[in-house]
Amino acid sequence: MKKRIDPIEHYEEIIDDKALTISDIKSNTHYKNCHIEGIEETNKFDEVKFENCFFADKALLKLECLDVIFEKIDFSNVQFDESLFYRVRFANCKFIGTSFYKTKMKNVAFHESNLHYANVSLSNLTHVSFHNSDLSEASLQEVEHKELMFVKSNLDKVDLHDTVIKGLDLSSCEFDSLGIDLRDCRNVKIRYDQAVIIAKMLGFEIT
């Protein structure tokens, strides 16, 4: 049997345009246009979908998400430090300046999302993918990863120092500069024009 990697989408109720607290969130529910606030000692979301909702609190530390979908949500400057995301999909979300420091992610996908200046450093990522997303000037330092994918995304000035980049495929992405250990570039799949950029970063004169 093929192992599930996408979030379970089975919702028994739709709640629209309500003011809620974290403790009100229940499983198997689709929340739309809701205002959500409050922080519990243990914050856990299980089999829920949030669409165009507003999260008032900026410190969602040690959050646990299982089979969760976030769509059209602005998480800019939110702290998700030391959180756990398992089978989660983010679509059309904003994470400008958001902190995912020391998070664990497995089977997580970011689609058409803005992660400019986001901090994902010291995180553990397994089967995590970024599709058509903006990671410009994001920090992914000292990240442990397996099956990490970047697809048609903006990686300009992304910081990958002390992250093993061997085997990464960046060929569908765009960047003018990368924060990487240039000695590891030989093991990365890139286009010819990207190779020229990296050669210039190494100090070679290209004519």
Protein backbone atom coordinates (compact mmCIF):
# COMPACT_ATOMS: atom_id res chain seq x y z
CA MET A 1 0.00 0.00 0.00
CA LYS A 2 1.33 3.41 -0.99
CA LYS A 3 2.07 5.59 2.00
CA ARG A 4 -0.04 8.75 2.22
CA ILE A 5 1.93 11.97 1.84
CA ASP A 6 -0.91 14.46 1.23
CA PRO A 7 -3.16 15.83 3.99
CA ILE A 8 -6.39 14.00 4.67
CA GLU A 9 -9.27 16.14 3.40
CA HIS A 10 -12.44 15.01 5.14
CA TYR A 11 -14.48 17.79 6.70
CA GLU A 12 -17.77 17.33 8.49
CA GLU A 13 -18.44 21.02 9.01
CA ILE A 14 -17.66 24.42 7.49
CA ILE A 15 -17.36 27.39 9.84
CA ASP A 16 -17.37 30.76 8.11
CA ASP A 17 -16.69 34.30 9.34
CA LYS A 18 -16.46 33.59 13.08
CA ALA A 19 -14.32 34.95 15.91
CA LEU A 20 -12.64 31.96 17.57
CA THR A 21 -9.93 31.02 20.01
CA ILE A 22 -7.35 28.31 19.52
CA SER A 23 -9.26 26.10 21.94
CA ASP A 24 -12.34 26.29 19.67
CA ILE A 25 -10.55 24.58 16.78
CA LYS A 26 -11.80 21.03 16.25
CA SER A 27 -10.87 18.24 13.88
CA ASN A 28 -12.57 17.48 10.56
CA THR A 29 -13.54 21.13 10.12
CA HIS A 30 -13.01 23.67 7.35
CA TYR A 31 -12.59 27.22 8.68
CA LYS A 32 -13.13 30.12 6.28
CA ASN A 33 -12.65 33.86 6.90
CA CYS A 34 -12.31 33.34 10.66
CA HIS A 35 -10.47 35.48 13.22
CA ILE A 36 -8.48 33.18 15.50
CA GLU A 37 -6.65 34.24 18.64
CA GLY A 38 -5.35 32.89 21.92
CA ILE A 39 -2.51 30.53 22.77
CA GLU A 40 -2.89 27.29 24.67
CA GLU A 41 -0.19 25.43 26.57
CA THR A 42 -0.43 22.78 23.86
CA ASN A 43 -1.46 23.97 20.41
CA LYS A 44 -2.45 21.14 18.10
CA PHE A 45 -4.38 21.12 14.82
CA ASP A 46 -5.54 17.78 13.42
CA GLU A 47 -7.38 17.26 10.12
CA VAL A 48 -8.48 20.85 9.61
CA LYS A 49 -8.41 23.39 6.81
CA PHE A 50 -7.93 27.12 7.29
CA GLU A 51 -8.88 29.34 4.36
CA ASN A 52 -8.39 33.11 4.38
CA CYS A 53 -8.29 33.15 8.18
CA PHE A 54 -6.50 35.64 10.42
CA PHE A 55 -4.30 34.41 13.27
CA ALA A 56 -3.97 37.26 15.78
CA ASP A 57 -1.09 35.84 17.82
CA LYS A 58 2.42 35.97 16.44
CA ALA A 59 3.95 33.35 18.76
CA LEU A 60 2.67 29.94 17.69
CA LEU A 61 5.59 28.13 19.28
CA LYS A 62 5.72 24.33 19.43
CA LEU A 63 2.61 24.05 17.29
CA GLU A 64 1.68 20.54 16.13
CA CYS A 65 -0.10 20.18 12.78
CA LEU A 66 -1.25 16.86 11.34
CA ASP A 67 -3.20 16.70 8.08
CA VAL A 68 -3.69 20.47 7.91
CA ILE A 69 -4.22 22.77 4.94
CA PHE A 70 -3.56 26.51 5.10
CA GLU A 71 -4.78 28.62 2.19
CA LYS A 72 -4.51 32.38 1.64
CA ILE A 73 -3.20 33.16 5.13
CA ASP A 74 -0.73 35.86 6.15
CA PHE A 75 1.72 34.38 8.65
CA SER A 76 4.26 37.19 8.26
CA ASN A 77 6.51 37.62 11.33
CA VAL A 78 4.85 34.68 13.09
CA GLN A 79 7.09 32.42 15.19
CA PHE A 80 6.64 28.71 14.55
CA ASP A 81 9.85 27.80 16.37
CA GLU A 82 10.19 24.14 17.40
CA SER A 83 6.88 23.24 15.74
CA LEU A 84 5.94 19.97 14.07
CA PHE A 85 4.27 19.82 10.65
CA TYR A 86 3.23 16.44 9.25
CA ARG A 87 1.26 16.14 6.02
CA VAL A 88 0.64 19.87 5.72
CA ARG A 89 -0.01 22.02 2.64
CA PHE A 90 0.47 25.78 2.49
CA ALA A 91 -1.06 27.48 -0.56
CA ASN A 92 -0.90 31.18 -1.42
CA CYS A 93 0.36 32.08 2.05
CA LYS A 94 2.69 34.86 3.24
CA PHE A 95 5.62 34.07 5.51
CA ILE A 96 7.61 37.30 5.23
CA GLY A 97 10.07 37.30 8.12
CA THR A 98 8.43 34.19 9.60
CA SER A 99 10.50 31.95 11.86
CA PHE A 100 10.46 28.17 11.41
CA TYR A 101 13.58 27.83 13.58
CA LYS A 102 14.21 24.25 14.72
CA THR A 103 10.98 22.94 13.22
CA LYS A 104 10.36 19.41 12.01
CA MET A 105 8.50 18.99 8.73
CA LYS A 106 7.55 15.79 6.96
CA ASN A 107 5.45 15.58 3.79
CA VAL A 108 4.96 19.35 3.66
CA ALA A 109 4.38 21.40 0.51
CA PHE A 110 4.50 25.16 -0.03
CA HIS A 111 2.65 26.35 -3.16
CA GLU A 112 2.79 29.90 -4.54
CA SER A 113 3.82 31.28 -1.16
CA ASN A 114 6.06 34.18 -0.13
CA LEU A 115 8.86 33.19 2.27
CA HIS A 116 10.99 36.31 1.79
CA TYR A 117 13.32 36.66 4.81
CA ALA A 118 11.85 33.51 6.41
CA ASN A 119 14.11 31.61 8.82
CA VAL A 120 14.06 27.81 8.50
CA SER A 121 17.49 27.28 10.04
CA LEU A 122 18.39 24.25 12.16
CA SER A 123 15.24 22.49 10.99
CA ASN A 124 14.68 18.89 9.96
CA LEU A 125 12.90 18.57 6.59
CA THR A 126 11.75 15.29 5.07
CA HIS A 127 9.94 15.28 1.73
CA VAL A 128 9.40 19.04 1.83
CA SER A 129 8.79 20.93 -1.41
CA PHE A 130 8.55 24.55 -2.49
CA HIS A 131 6.57 25.21 -5.69
CA ASN A 132 6.41 28.59 -7.44
CA SER A 133 7.37 30.28 -4.19
CA ASP A 134 9.58 33.22 -3.22
CA LEU A 135 12.41 32.23 -0.85
CA SER A 136 14.57 35.27 -1.60
CA GLU A 137 16.92 36.08 1.27
CA ALA A 138 15.46 33.25 3.35
CA SER A 139 17.75 31.42 5.76
CA LEU A 140 18.09 27.64 5.58
CA GLN A 141 21.33 27.29 7.50
CA GLU A 142 22.30 23.94 9.06
CA VAL A 143 19.17 22.24 7.78
CA GLU A 144 19.00 18.45 7.84
CA HIS A 145 16.95 17.23 4.90
CA LYS A 146 15.84 14.31 2.81
CA GLU A 147 13.96 14.66 -0.49
CA LEU A 148 14.02 18.46 -0.35
CA MET A 149 12.67 19.99 -3.56
CA PHE A 150 12.65 23.48 -5.05
CA VAL A 151 10.42 23.86 -8.11
CA LYS A 152 10.16 27.05 -10.17
CA SER A 153 10.93 29.20 -7.12
CA ASN A 154 12.91 32.37 -6.45
CA LEU A 155 16.04 31.43 -4.49
CA ASP A 156 17.90 34.71 -4.85
CA LYS A 157 20.29 35.24 -1.92
CA VAL A 158 18.86 32.27 -0.02
CA ASP A 159 21.33 31.25 2.70
CA LEU A 160 22.19 27.53 2.61
CA HIS A 161 25.46 27.69 4.52
CA ASP A 162 26.25 24.52 6.50
CA THR A 163 23.38 22.73 4.75
CA VAL A 164 24.34 19.76 2.59
CA ILE A 165 23.26 20.68 -0.93
CA LYS A 166 24.46 17.52 -2.65
CA GLY A 167 21.79 16.20 -4.97
CA LEU A 168 19.56 19.28 -4.94
CA ASP A 169 17.92 20.21 -8.23
CA LEU A 170 17.80 23.99 -8.65
CA SER A 171 17.49 23.97 -12.42
CA SER A 172 13.90 25.20 -12.55
CA CYS A 173 14.55 28.03 -10.07
CA GLU A 174 15.90 31.56 -10.40
CA PHE A 175 18.69 33.31 -8.49
CA ASP A 176 21.36 35.97 -9.00
CA SER A 177 23.32 34.92 -5.94
CA LEU A 178 23.33 32.06 -3.43
CA GLY A 179 24.66 31.76 0.10
CA ILE A 180 26.29 28.34 -0.20
CA ASP A 181 29.56 26.55 0.28
CA LEU A 182 30.80 26.90 -3.29
CA ARG A 183 32.88 23.71 -2.99
CA ASP A 184 29.63 21.70 -2.97
CA CYS A 185 28.27 23.12 -6.23
CA ARG A 186 29.55 20.23 -8.34
CA ASN A 187 26.87 17.99 -6.83
CA VAL A 188 23.95 20.32 -7.55
CA LYS A 189 21.80 20.16 -10.70
CA ILE A 190 21.73 23.61 -12.32
CA ARG A 191 21.29 25.20 -15.75
CA TYR A 192 24.13 26.64 -17.83
CA ASP A 193 23.20 30.25 -17.00
CA GLN A 194 23.13 29.36 -13.30
CA ALA A 195 26.57 27.79 -13.65
CA VAL A 196 27.80 31.11 -15.05
CA ILE A 197 26.43 32.93 -11.99
CA ILE A 198 28.18 30.50 -9.65
CA ALA A 199 31.40 30.75 -11.64
CA LYS A 200 31.33 34.52 -11.12
CA MET A 201 30.73 33.96 -7.42
CA LEU A 202 33.90 31.83 -7.45
CA GLY A 203 35.79 34.74 -8.98
CA PHE A 204 36.10 33.49 -12.54
CA GLU A 205 35.93 36.07 -15.28
CA ILE A 206 33.29 35.16 -17.84
CA THR A 207 33.57 36.66 -21.31
